[in-house]
Amino acid sequence: MSSAMDPKTETIAETENYMAWQAEEPDGETTYHLELNNVTLHFFTEEWEEFLQLARAIIRDADGR
């Protein structure tokens, strides 16, 4: 049973082994989560935005090779 205190979650993307999802927390904060096999990383919005910058740089550099 869901309550008003439960976060509202939404899947951003997923593959067979990995998943990215976000949660709208009861206090209004949005958190982001990466599930990588048996490891889950949790990010606040500012950290998530910086992580995305890093991921974009990795993709850009890998594509340039």
Protein backbone atom coordinates (compact mmCIF):
# COMPACT_ATOMS: atom_id res chain seq x y z
CA MET A 1 0.00 0.00 0.00
CA SER A 2 1.37 3.41 -0.98
CA SER A 3 1.28 6.37 1.35
CA ALA A 4 1.75 10.12 0.93
CA MET A 5 5.25 9.73 2.35
CA ASP A 6 6.37 7.31 -0.39
CA PRO A 7 8.43 8.91 -3.17
CA LYS A 8 6.99 8.97 -6.70
CA THR A 9 9.49 7.10 -8.88
CA GLU A 10 10.05 7.07 -12.62
CA THR A 11 12.45 5.02 -14.73
CA ILE A 12 14.75 7.18 -16.84
CA ALA A 13 16.39 4.32 -18.79
CA GLU A 14 17.27 0.68 -18.36
CA THR A 15 19.12 -2.19 -19.95
CA GLU A 16 19.29 -5.83 -18.95
CA ASN A 17 21.76 -5.12 -16.11
CA TYR A 18 21.54 -1.38 -15.43
CA MET A 19 18.85 1.10 -14.52
CA ALA A 20 18.58 4.85 -13.99
CA TRP A 21 15.58 6.20 -12.13
CA GLN A 22 14.44 9.31 -10.32
CA ALA A 23 12.33 9.85 -7.24
CA GLU A 24 10.22 12.83 -6.26
CA GLU A 25 10.73 12.81 -2.50
CA PRO A 26 7.96 13.90 -0.09
CA ASP A 27 10.01 16.99 0.85
CA GLY A 28 10.02 18.17 -2.80
CA GLU A 29 13.62 17.13 -3.52
CA THR A 30 14.30 15.08 -6.66
CA THR A 31 16.89 12.34 -6.28
CA TYR A 32 18.49 10.25 -9.01
CA HIS A 33 19.67 6.67 -8.77
CA LEU A 34 21.90 4.44 -10.90
CA GLU A 35 21.63 0.70 -10.31
CA LEU A 36 24.72 -1.00 -11.75
CA ASN A 37 24.40 -4.71 -11.03
CA ASN A 38 24.72 -4.92 -7.23
CA VAL A 39 25.80 -1.27 -6.72
CA THR A 40 23.39 1.66 -6.46
CA LEU A 41 24.59 5.26 -6.67
CA HIS A 42 22.38 8.00 -5.26
CA PHE A 43 22.56 11.63 -6.45
CA PHE A 44 20.94 14.92 -5.50
CA THR A 45 20.04 17.15 -8.47
CA GLU A 46 23.32 19.12 -8.51
CA GLU A 47 25.37 15.92 -8.32
CA TRP A 48 23.28 14.31 -11.07
CA GLU A 49 23.86 17.27 -13.39
CA GLU A 50 27.60 17.05 -12.81
CA PHE A 51 27.52 13.29 -13.41
CA LEU A 52 25.71 13.89 -16.72
CA GLN A 53 28.45 16.35 -17.74
CA LEU A 54 31.00 13.63 -17.00
CA ALA A 55 29.04 11.01 -18.95
CA ARG A 56 28.73 13.36 -21.94
CA ALA A 57 32.50 14.00 -21.85
CA ILE A 58 33.17 10.26 -21.74
CA ILE A 59 30.90 9.69 -24.75
CA ARG A 60 32.40 12.61 -26.66
CA ASP A 61 35.96 11.41 -26.01
CA ALA A 62 35.16 7.76 -26.77
CA ASP A 63 33.45 8.73 -30.04
CA GLY A 64 36.48 10.80 -31.04
CA ARG A 65 38.79 7.81 -31.03
